[in-house]
């Protein structure tokens, strides 16, 4: 509970400090610069995430295609050419 109180006090203090800094034109420039840097950082992280996601998707598609080809090759190599592995009942 004590940690929660300190957290809330720190959060409130940060908002008050940001409010006072934002009143000054130089403070606005500093906050705008910080905001621009944060936006640039998040854009870079987002681009890297999407690039890595595309690599994983491409790898998964390649593996899926290879597995499908292996299954097709294995099913095509049966002696009778029939893909049904269960024995047929006698007539």
PDB file of N, CA and C in Angstrom:
ATOM      1  N   UNK A   1       0.833  -1.188   0.000  1.00  0.00           N
ATOM      2  CA  UNK A   1       0.000   0.000   0.000  1.00  0.00           C
ATOM      3  C   UNK A   1       0.880   1.255   0.000  1.00  0.00           C
ATOM      4  N   UNK A   2       1.978   1.177   0.750  1.00  0.00           N
ATOM      5  CA  UNK A   2       2.888   2.315   0.831  1.00  0.00           C
ATOM      6  C   UNK A   2       3.489   2.628  -0.546  1.00  0.00           C
ATOM      7  N   UNK A   3       3.827   1.574  -1.296  1.00  0.00           N
ATOM      8  CA  UNK A   3       4.390   1.773  -2.632  1.00  0.00           C
ATOM      9  C   UNK A   3       3.375   2.405  -3.576  1.00  0.00           C
ATOM     10  N   UNK A   4       2.117   2.031  -3.434  1.00  0.00           N
ATOM     11  CA  UNK A   4       1.068   2.603  -4.272  1.00  0.00           C
ATOM     12  C   UNK A   4       0.922   4.099  -4.009  1.00  0.00           C
ATOM     13  N   UNK A   5       0.999   4.493  -2.748  1.00  0.00           N
ATOM     14  CA  UNK A   5       0.899   5.912  -2.395  1.00  0.00           C
ATOM     15  C   UNK A   5       2.054   6.688  -3.025  1.00  0.00           C
ATOM     16  N   UNK A   6       3.265   6.159  -2.926  1.00  0.00           N
ATOM     17  CA  UNK A   6       4.419   6.834  -3.521  1.00  0.00           C
ATOM     18  C   UNK A   6       4.283   6.914  -5.040  1.00  0.00           C
ATOM     19  N   UNK A   7       3.769   5.863  -5.637  1.00  0.00           N
ATOM     20  CA  UNK A   7       3.567   5.861  -7.085  1.00  0.00           C
ATOM     21  C   UNK A   7       2.579   6.946  -7.493  1.00  0.00           C
ATOM     22  N   UNK A   8       1.459   7.038  -6.801  1.00  0.00           N
ATOM     23  CA  UNK A   8       0.438   8.040  -7.122  1.00  0.00           C
ATOM     24  C   UNK A   8       0.984   9.449  -6.894  1.00  0.00           C
ATOM     25  N   UNK A   9       1.735   9.643  -5.805  1.00  0.00           N
ATOM     26  CA  UNK A   9       2.328  10.959  -5.554  1.00  0.00           C
ATOM     27  C   UNK A   9       3.336  11.328  -6.647  1.00  0.00           C
ATOM     28  N   UNK A  10       4.130  10.385  -7.075  1.00  0.00           N
ATOM     29  CA  UNK A  10       5.085  10.645  -8.149  1.00  0.00           C
ATOM     30  C   UNK A  10       4.394  10.961  -9.459  1.00  0.00           C
ATOM     31  N   UNK A  11       3.327  10.243  -9.738  1.00  0.00           N
ATOM     32  CA  UNK A  11       2.554  10.485 -10.953  1.00  0.00           C
ATOM     33  C   UNK A  11       1.941  11.884 -10.928  1.00  0.00           C
ATOM     34  N   UNK A  12       1.333  12.249  -9.813  1.00  0.00           N
ATOM     35  CA  UNK A  12       0.733  13.577  -9.687  1.00  0.00           C
ATOM     36  C   UNK A  12       1.804  14.660  -9.775  1.00  0.00           C
ATOM     37  N   UNK A  13       2.941  14.433  -9.125  1.00  0.00           N
ATOM     38  CA  UNK A  13       4.038  15.405  -9.193  1.00  0.00           C
ATOM     39  C   UNK A  13       4.543  15.584 -10.611  1.00  0.00           C
ATOM     40  N   UNK A  14       4.618  14.510 -11.363  1.00  0.00           N
ATOM     41  CA  UNK A  14       5.051  14.596 -12.753  1.00  0.00           C
ATOM     42  C   UNK A  14       4.092  15.407 -13.600  1.00  0.00           C
ATOM     43  N   UNK A  15       2.803  15.215 -13.386  1.00  0.00           N
ATOM     44  CA  UNK A  15       1.817  15.998 -14.134  1.00  0.00           C
ATOM     45  C   UNK A  15       1.902  17.484 -13.782  1.00  0.00           C
ATOM     46  N   UNK A  16       2.074  17.780 -12.494  1.00  0.00           N
ATOM     47  CA  UNK A  16       2.188  19.178 -12.068  1.00  0.00           C
ATOM     48  C   UNK A  16       3.441  19.807 -12.672  1.00  0.00           C
ATOM     49  N   UNK A  17       4.555  19.096 -12.619  1.00  0.00           N
ATOM     50  CA  UNK A  17       5.803  19.604 -13.184  1.00  0.00           C
ATOM     51  C   UNK A  17       5.667  19.832 -14.693  1.00  0.00           C
ATOM     52  N   UNK A  18       5.071  18.895 -15.400  1.00  0.00           N
ATOM     53  CA  UNK A  18       4.879  19.048 -16.845  1.00  0.00           C
ATOM     54  C   UNK A  18       3.977  20.241 -17.147  1.00  0.00           C
ATOM     55  N   UNK A  19       2.992  20.482 -16.298  1.00  0.00           N
ATOM     56  CA  UNK A  19       2.098  21.624 -16.498  1.00  0.00           C
ATOM     57  C   UNK A  19       2.873  22.936 -16.376  1.00  0.00           C
ATOM     58  N   UNK A  20       3.726  23.040 -15.352  1.00  0.00           N
ATOM     59  CA  UNK A  20       4.518  24.257 -15.175  1.00  0.00           C
ATOM     60  C   UNK A  20       5.539  24.438 -16.297  1.00  0.00           C
ATOM     61  N   UNK A  21       6.162  23.369 -16.723  1.00  0.00           N
ATOM     62  CA  UNK A  21       7.142  23.454 -17.808  1.00  0.00           C
ATOM     63  C   UNK A  21       6.450  23.862 -19.105  1.00  0.00           C
ATOM     64  N   UNK A  22       5.241  23.399 -19.321  1.00  0.00           N
ATOM     65  CA  UNK A  22       4.505  23.691 -20.550  1.00  0.00           C
ATOM     66  C   UNK A  22       4.075  25.157 -20.630  1.00  0.00           C
ATOM     67  N   UNK A  23       4.031  25.858 -19.503  1.00  0.00           N
ATOM     68  CA  UNK A  23       3.644  27.271 -19.516  1.00  0.00           C
ATOM     69  C   UNK A  23       4.732  28.148 -20.136  1.00  0.00           C
ATOM     70  N   UNK A  24       5.975  27.748 -20.013  1.00  0.00           N
ATOM     71  CA  UNK A  24       7.106  28.516 -20.526  1.00  0.00           C
ATOM     72  C   UNK A  24       7.356  28.148 -21.990  1.00  0.00           C
ATOM     73  N   UNK A  25       7.614  29.121 -22.867  1.00  0.00           N
ATOM     74  CA  UNK A  25       7.883  28.791 -24.278  1.00  0.00           C
ATOM     75  C   UNK A  25       9.088  27.861 -24.454  1.00  0.00           C
ATOM     76  N   UNK A  26      10.133  28.060 -23.654  1.00  0.00           N
ATOM     77  CA  UNK A  26      11.288  27.165 -23.750  1.00  0.00           C
ATOM     78  C   UNK A  26      10.910  25.761 -23.288  1.00  0.00           C
ATOM     79  N   UNK A  27      10.064  25.696 -22.291  1.00  0.00           N
ATOM     80  CA  UNK A  27       9.593  24.399 -21.807  1.00  0.00           C
ATOM     81  C   UNK A  27       8.777  23.674 -22.859  1.00  0.00           C
ATOM     82  N   UNK A  28       7.976  24.439 -23.599  1.00  0.00           N
ATOM     83  CA  UNK A  28       7.195  23.834 -24.687  1.00  0.00           C
ATOM     84  C   UNK A  28       8.115  23.248 -25.747  1.00  0.00           C
ATOM     85  N   UNK A  29       9.209  23.970 -26.049  1.00  0.00           N
ATOM     86  CA  UNK A  29      10.173  23.459 -27.025  1.00  0.00           C
ATOM     87  C   UNK A  29      10.799  22.157 -26.535  1.00  0.00           C
ATOM     88  N   UNK A  30      11.145  22.124 -25.257  1.00  0.00           N
ATOM     89  CA  UNK A  30      11.751  20.915 -24.685  1.00  0.00           C
ATOM     90  C   UNK A  30      10.765  19.753 -24.752  1.00  0.00           C
ATOM     91  N   UNK A  31       9.523  20.008 -24.351  1.00  0.00           N
ATOM     92  CA  UNK A  31       8.517  18.942 -24.383  1.00  0.00           C
ATOM     93  C   UNK A  31       8.217  18.503 -25.819  1.00  0.00           C
ATOM     94  N   UNK A  32       8.218  19.445 -26.760  1.00  0.00           N
ATOM     95  CA  UNK A  32       7.997  19.088 -28.167  1.00  0.00           C
ATOM     96  C   UNK A  32       9.155  18.242 -28.687  1.00  0.00           C
ATOM     97  N   UNK A  33      10.382  18.577 -28.283  1.00  0.00           N
ATOM     98  CA  UNK A  33      11.552  17.791 -28.688  1.00  0.00           C
ATOM     99  C   UNK A  33      11.479  16.381 -28.105  1.00  0.00           C
ATOM    100  N   UNK A  34      11.097  16.288 -26.847  1.00  0.00           N
ATOM    101  CA  UNK A  34      10.956  14.970 -26.216  1.00  0.00           C
ATOM    102  C   UNK A  34       9.878  14.160 -26.926  1.00  0.00           C
ATOM    103  N   UNK A  35       8.762  14.816 -27.244  1.00  0.00           N
ATOM    104  CA  UNK A  35       7.672  14.134 -27.944  1.00  0.00           C
ATOM    105  C   UNK A  35       8.120  13.646 -29.319  1.00  0.00           C
ATOM    106  N   UNK A  36       8.893  14.471 -30.033  1.00  0.00           N
ATOM    107  CA  UNK A  36       9.381  14.074 -31.361  1.00  0.00           C
ATOM    108  C   UNK A  36      10.328  12.884 -31.258  1.00  0.00           C
ATOM    109  N   UNK A  37      11.186  12.886 -30.253  1.00  0.00           N
ATOM    110  CA  UNK A  37      12.119  11.767 -30.074  1.00  0.00           C
ATOM    111  C   UNK A  37      11.382  10.478 -29.723  1.00  0.00           C
ATOM    112  N   UNK A  38      10.369  10.596 -28.887  1.00  0.00           N
ATOM    113  CA  UNK A  38       9.581   9.412 -28.528  1.00  0.00           C
ATOM    114  C   UNK A  38       8.848   8.883 -29.759  1.00  0.00           C
ATOM    115  N   UNK A  39       8.285   9.780 -30.564  1.00  0.00           N
ATOM    116  CA  UNK A  39       7.578   9.360 -31.782  1.00  0.00           C
ATOM    117  C   UNK A  39       8.536   8.677 -32.754  1.00  0.00           C
ATOM    118  N   UNK A  40       9.747   9.221 -32.904  1.00  0.00           N
ATOM    119  CA  UNK A  40      10.740   8.602 -33.794  1.00  0.00           C
ATOM    120  C   UNK A  40      11.121   7.209 -33.288  1.00  0.00           C
ATOM    121  N   UNK A  41      11.311   7.094 -31.981  1.00  0.00           N
ATOM    122  CA  UNK A  41      11.667   5.803 -31.388  1.00  0.00           C
ATOM    123  C   UNK A  41      10.566   4.771 -31.611  1.00  0.00           C
ATOM    124  N   UNK A  42       9.322   5.155 -31.350  1.00  0.00           N
ATOM    125  CA  UNK A  42       8.221   4.201 -31.519  1.00  0.00           C
ATOM    126  C   UNK A  42       8.029   3.832 -32.986  1.00  0.00           C
ATOM    127  N   UNK A  43       8.274   4.777 -33.896  1.00  0.00           N
ATOM    128  CA  UNK A  43       8.183   4.461 -35.329  1.00  0.00           C
ATOM    129  C   UNK A  43       9.243   3.440 -35.728  1.00  0.00           C
ATOM    130  N   UNK A  44      10.457   3.603 -35.213  1.00  0.00           N
ATOM    131  CA  UNK A  44      11.527   2.648 -35.529  1.00  0.00           C
ATOM    132  C   UNK A  44      11.219   1.266 -34.961  1.00  0.00           C
ATOM    133  N   UNK A  45      10.729   1.223 -33.743  1.00  0.00           N
ATOM    134  CA  UNK A  45      10.380  -0.058 -33.122  1.00  0.00           C
ATOM    135  C   UNK A  45       9.259  -0.723 -33.909  1.00  0.00           C
ATOM    136  N   UNK A  46       8.268   0.054 -34.316  1.00  0.00           N
ATOM    137  CA  UNK A  46       7.146  -0.490 -35.088  1.00  0.00           C
ATOM    138  C   UNK A  46       7.616  -1.044 -36.427  1.00  0.00           C
ATOM    139  N   UNK A  47       8.488  -0.316 -37.106  1.00  0.00           N
ATOM    140  CA  UNK A  47       9.002  -0.782 -38.400  1.00  0.00           C
ATOM    141  C   UNK A  47       9.802  -2.069 -38.233  1.00  0.00           C
ATOM    142  N   UNK A  48      10.627  -2.133 -37.195  1.00  0.00           N
ATOM    143  CA  UNK A  48      11.418  -3.344 -36.951  1.00  0.00           C
ATOM    144  C   UNK A  48      10.510  -4.524 -36.615  1.00  0.00           C
ATOM    145  N   UNK A  49       9.459  -4.268 -35.850  1.00  0.00           N
ATOM    146  CA  UNK A  49       8.511  -5.327 -35.496  1.00  0.00           C
ATOM    147  C   UNK A  49       7.834  -5.878 -36.747  1.00  0.00           C
ATOM    148  N   UNK A  50       7.359  -4.988 -37.608  1.00  0.00           N
ATOM    149  CA  UNK A  50       6.669  -5.435 -38.820  1.00  0.00           C
ATOM    150  C   UNK A  50       7.619  -6.167 -39.769  1.00  0.00           C
ATOM    151  N   UNK A  51       8.872  -5.725 -39.831  1.00  0.00           N
ATOM    152  CA  UNK A  51       9.859  -6.411 -40.665  1.00  0.00           C
ATOM    153  C   UNK A  51      10.110  -7.830 -40.147  1.00  0.00           C
ATOM    154  N   UNK A  52      10.253  -7.952 -38.841  1.00  0.00           N
ATOM    155  CA  UNK A  52      10.486  -9.275 -38.251  1.00  0.00           C
ATOM    156  C   UNK A  52       9.250 -10.160 -38.412  1.00  0.00           C
ATOM    157  N   UNK A  53       8.075  -9.582 -38.268  1.00  0.00           N
ATOM    158  CA  UNK A  53       6.837 -10.337 -38.449  1.00  0.00           C
ATOM    159  C   UNK A  53       6.734 -10.866 -39.877  1.00  0.00           C
ATOM    160  N   UNK A  54       7.136 -10.056 -40.849  1.00  0.00           N
ATOM    161  CA  UNK A  54       7.110 -10.488 -42.250  1.00  0.00           C
ATOM    162  C   UNK A  54       8.084 -11.638 -42.469  1.00  0.00           C
ATOM    163  N   UNK A  55       9.253 -11.579 -41.831  1.00  0.00           N
ATOM    164  CA  UNK A  55      10.223 -12.674 -41.954  1.00  0.00           C
ATOM    165  C   UNK A  55       9.654 -13.972 -41.391  1.00  0.00           C
ATOM    166  N   UNK A  56       9.020 -13.877 -40.230  1.00  0.00           N
ATOM    167  CA  UNK A  56       8.443 -15.076 -39.613  1.00  0.00           C
ATOM    168  C   UNK A  56       7.317 -15.643 -40.463  1.00  0.00           C
ATOM    169  N   UNK A  57       6.475 -14.775 -41.002  1.00  0.00           N
ATOM    170  CA  UNK A  57       5.368 -15.223 -41.839  1.00  0.00           C
ATOM    171  C   UNK A  57       5.895 -15.912 -43.088  1.00  0.00           C
ATOM    172  N   UNK A  58       6.933 -15.331 -43.695  1.00  0.00           N
ATOM    173  CA  UNK A  58       7.535 -15.931 -44.886  1.00  0.00           C
ATOM    174  C   UNK A  58       8.119 -17.302 -44.555  1.00  0.00           C
ATOM    175  N   UNK A  59       8.780 -17.416 -43.421  1.00  0.00           N
ATOM    176  CA  UNK A  59       9.352 -18.700 -43.008  1.00  0.00           C
ATOM    177  C   UNK A  59       8.283 -19.740 -42.742  1.00  0.00           C
ATOM    178  N   UNK A  60       7.196 -19.321 -42.131  1.00  0.00           N
ATOM    179  CA  UNK A  60       6.105 -20.252 -41.850  1.00  0.00           C
ATOM    180  C   UNK A  60       5.445 -20.718 -43.145  1.00  0.00           C
ATOM    181  N   UNK A  61       5.276 -19.810 -44.094  1.00  0.00           N
ATOM    182  CA  UNK A  61       4.678 -20.199 -45.378  1.00  0.00           C
ATOM    183  C   UNK A  61       5.586 -21.169 -46.126  1.00  0.00           C
ATOM    184  N   UNK A  62       6.890 -20.935 -46.071  1.00  0.00           N
ATOM    185  CA  UNK A  62       7.843 -21.830 -46.724  1.00  0.00           C
ATOM    186  C   UNK A  62       7.782 -23.220 -46.098  1.00  0.00           C
ATOM    187  N   UNK A  63       7.729 -23.260 -44.764  1.00  0.00           N
ATOM    188  CA  UNK A  63       7.655 -24.548 -44.072  1.00  0.00           C
ATOM    189  C   UNK A  63       6.344 -25.265 -44.383  1.00  0.00           C
ATOM    190  N   UNK A  64       5.251 -24.526 -44.453  1.00  0.00           N
ATOM    191  CA  UNK A  64       3.955 -25.122 -44.773  1.00  0.00           C
ATOM    192  C   UNK A  64       3.956 -25.687 -46.189  1.00  0.00           C
ATOM    193  N   UNK A  65       4.522 -24.938 -47.125  1.00  0.00           N
ATOM    194  CA  UNK A  65       4.601 -25.421 -48.510  1.00  0.00           C
ATOM    195  C   UNK A  65       5.466 -26.677 -48.603  1.00  0.00           C
ATOM    196  N   UNK A  66       6.584 -26.689 -47.896  1.00  0.00           N
ATOM    197  CA  UNK A  66       7.468 -27.861 -47.920  1.00  0.00           C
ATOM    198  C   UNK A  66       6.771 -29.074 -47.318  1.00  0.00           C
ATOM    199  N   UNK A  67       6.020 -28.862 -46.238  1.00  0.00           N
ATOM    200  CA  UNK A  67       5.294 -29.967 -45.617  1.00  0.00           C
ATOM    201  C   UNK A  67       4.212 -30.494 -46.554  1.00  0.00           C
ATOM    202  N   UNK A  68       3.518 -29.603 -47.236  1.00  0.00           N
ATOM    203  CA  UNK A  68       2.476 -30.032 -48.173  1.00  0.00           C
ATOM    204  C   UNK A  68       3.079 -30.824 -49.326  1.00  0.00           C
ATOM    205  N   UNK A  69       4.236 -30.385 -49.813  1.00  0.00           N
ATOM    206  CA  UNK A  69       4.909 -31.123 -50.882  1.00  0.00           C
ATOM    207  C   UNK A  69       5.356 -32.503 -50.402  1.00  0.00           C
ATOM    208  N   UNK A  70       5.840 -32.580 -49.164  1.00  0.00           N
ATOM    209  CA  UNK A  70       6.280 -33.864 -48.619  1.00  0.00           C
ATOM    210  C   UNK A  70       5.101 -34.822 -48.467  1.00  0.00           C
ATOM    211  N   UNK A  71       3.970 -34.300 -48.011  1.00  0.00           N
ATOM    212  CA  UNK A  71       2.779 -35.138 -47.869  1.00  0.00           C
ATOM    213  C   UNK A  71       2.308 -35.602 -49.240  1.00  0.00           C
ATOM    214  N   UNK A  72       2.313 -34.711 -50.214  1.00  0.00           N
ATOM    215  CA  UNK A  72       1.885 -35.079 -51.564  1.00  0.00           C
ATOM    216  C   UNK A  72       2.823 -36.123 -52.157  1.00  0.00           C
ATOM    217  N   UNK A  73       4.104 -35.976 -51.934  1.00  0.00           N
ATOM    218  CA  UNK A  73       5.070 -36.945 -52.455  1.00  0.00           C
ATOM    219  C   UNK A  73       4.909 -38.296 -51.767  1.00  0.00           C
ATOM    220  N   UNK A  74       4.656 -38.278 -50.474  1.00  0.00           N
ATOM    221  CA  UNK A  74       4.493 -39.528 -49.734  1.00  0.00           C
ATOM    222  C   UNK A  74       3.198 -40.232 -50.131  1.00  0.00           C
ATOM    223  N   UNK A  75       2.139 -39.498 -50.337  1.00  0.00           N
ATOM    224  CA  UNK A  75       0.872 -40.127 -50.700  1.00  0.00           C
ATOM    225  C   UNK A  75       0.892 -40.592 -52.153  1.00  0.00           C
ATOM    226  N   UNK A  76       1.669 -39.973 -52.979  1.00  0.00           N
ATOM    227  CA  UNK A  76       1.770 -40.370 -54.375  1.00  0.00           C
ATOM    228  C   UNK A  76       2.663 -41.577 -54.572  1.00  0.00           C
ATOM    229  N   UNK A  77       3.419 -41.972 -53.572  1.00  0.00           N
ATOM    230  CA  UNK A  77       4.356 -43.090 -53.724  1.00  0.00           C
ATOM    231  C   UNK A  77       3.794 -44.410 -53.207  1.00  0.00           C
ATOM    232  N   UNK A  78       2.479 -44.501 -52.938  1.00  0.00           N
ATOM    233  CA  UNK A  78       1.894 -45.774 -52.511  1.00  0.00           C
ATOM    234  C   UNK A  78       1.862 -46.731 -53.686  1.00  0.00           C
ATOM    235  N   UNK A  79       1.884 -48.019 -53.419  1.00  0.00           N
ATOM    236  CA  UNK A  79       1.994 -49.042 -54.471  1.00  0.00           C
ATOM    237  C   UNK A  79       0.799 -49.021 -55.412  1.00  0.00           C
ATOM    238  N   UNK A  80      -0.411 -48.906 -54.873  1.00  0.00           N
ATOM    239  CA  UNK A  80      -1.590 -48.966 -55.730  1.00  0.00           C
ATOM    240  C   UNK A  80      -1.979 -47.598 -56.259  1.00  0.00           C
ATOM    241  N   UNK A  81      -1.340 -46.556 -55.733  1.00  0.00           N
ATOM    242  CA  UNK A  81      -1.708 -45.214 -56.157  1.00  0.00           C
ATOM    243  C   UNK A  81      -2.921 -44.715 -55.407  1.00  0.00           C
ATOM    244  N   UNK A  82      -3.506 -45.542 -54.550  1.00  0.00           N
ATOM    245  CA  UNK A  82      -4.666 -45.167 -53.761  1.00  0.00           C
ATOM    246  C   UNK A  82      -4.164 -44.539 -52.469  1.00  0.00           C
ATOM    247  N   UNK A  83      -4.711 -43.411 -52.105  1.00  0.00           N
ATOM    248  CA  UNK A  83      -4.258 -42.732 -50.902  1.00  0.00           C
ATOM    249  C   UNK A  83      -4.942 -43.271 -49.662  1.00  0.00           C
ATOM    250  N   UNK A  84      -5.930 -44.122 -49.804  1.00  0.00           N
ATOM    251  CA  UNK A  84      -6.631 -44.701 -48.664  1.00  0.00           C
ATOM    252  C   UNK A  84      -5.774 -45.819 -48.086  1.00  0.00           C
ATOM    253  N   UNK A  85      -5.313 -45.659 -46.859  1.00  0.00           N
ATOM    254  CA  UNK A  85      -4.407 -46.634 -46.253  1.00  0.00           C
ATOM    255  C   UNK A  85      -5.157 -47.821 -45.650  1.00  0.00           C
ATOM    256  N   UNK A  86      -6.467 -47.707 -45.447  1.00  0.00           N
ATOM    257  CA  UNK A  86      -7.229 -48.803 -44.836  1.00  0.00           C
ATOM    258  C   UNK A  86      -7.463 -49.904 -45.867  1.00  0.00           C
ATOM    259  N   UNK A  87      -7.388 -51.171 -45.464  1.00  0.00           N
ATOM    260  CA  UNK A  87      -7.641 -52.267 -46.410  1.00  0.00           C
ATOM    261  C   UNK A  87      -9.102 -52.279 -46.836  1.00  0.00           C
ATOM    262  N   UNK A  88      -9.334 -52.675 -48.075  1.00  0.00           N
ATOM    263  CA  UNK A  88     -10.695 -52.726 -48.603  1.00  0.00           C
ATOM    264  C   UNK A  88     -11.328 -54.048 -48.187  1.00  0.00           C
ATOM    265  N   UNK A  89     -12.604 -54.005 -47.812  1.00  0.00           N
ATOM    266  CA  UNK A  89     -13.275 -55.244 -47.402  1.00  0.00           C
ATOM    267  C   UNK A  89     -13.435 -56.197 -48.589  1.00  0.00           C
ATOM    268  N   UNK A  90     -13.374 -57.473 -48.279  1.00  0.00           N
ATOM    269  CA  UNK A  90     -13.526 -58.497 -49.328  1.00  0.00           C
ATOM    270  C   UNK A  90     -14.970 -58.542 -49.790  1.00  0.00           C
ATOM    271  N   UNK A  91     -15.181 -58.752 -51.066  1.00  0.00           N
ATOM    272  CA  UNK A  91     -16.527 -58.763 -51.620  1.00  0.00           C
ATOM    273  C   UNK A  91     -17.175 -60.104 -51.576  1.00  0.00           C
TER     274      UNK A  91
END
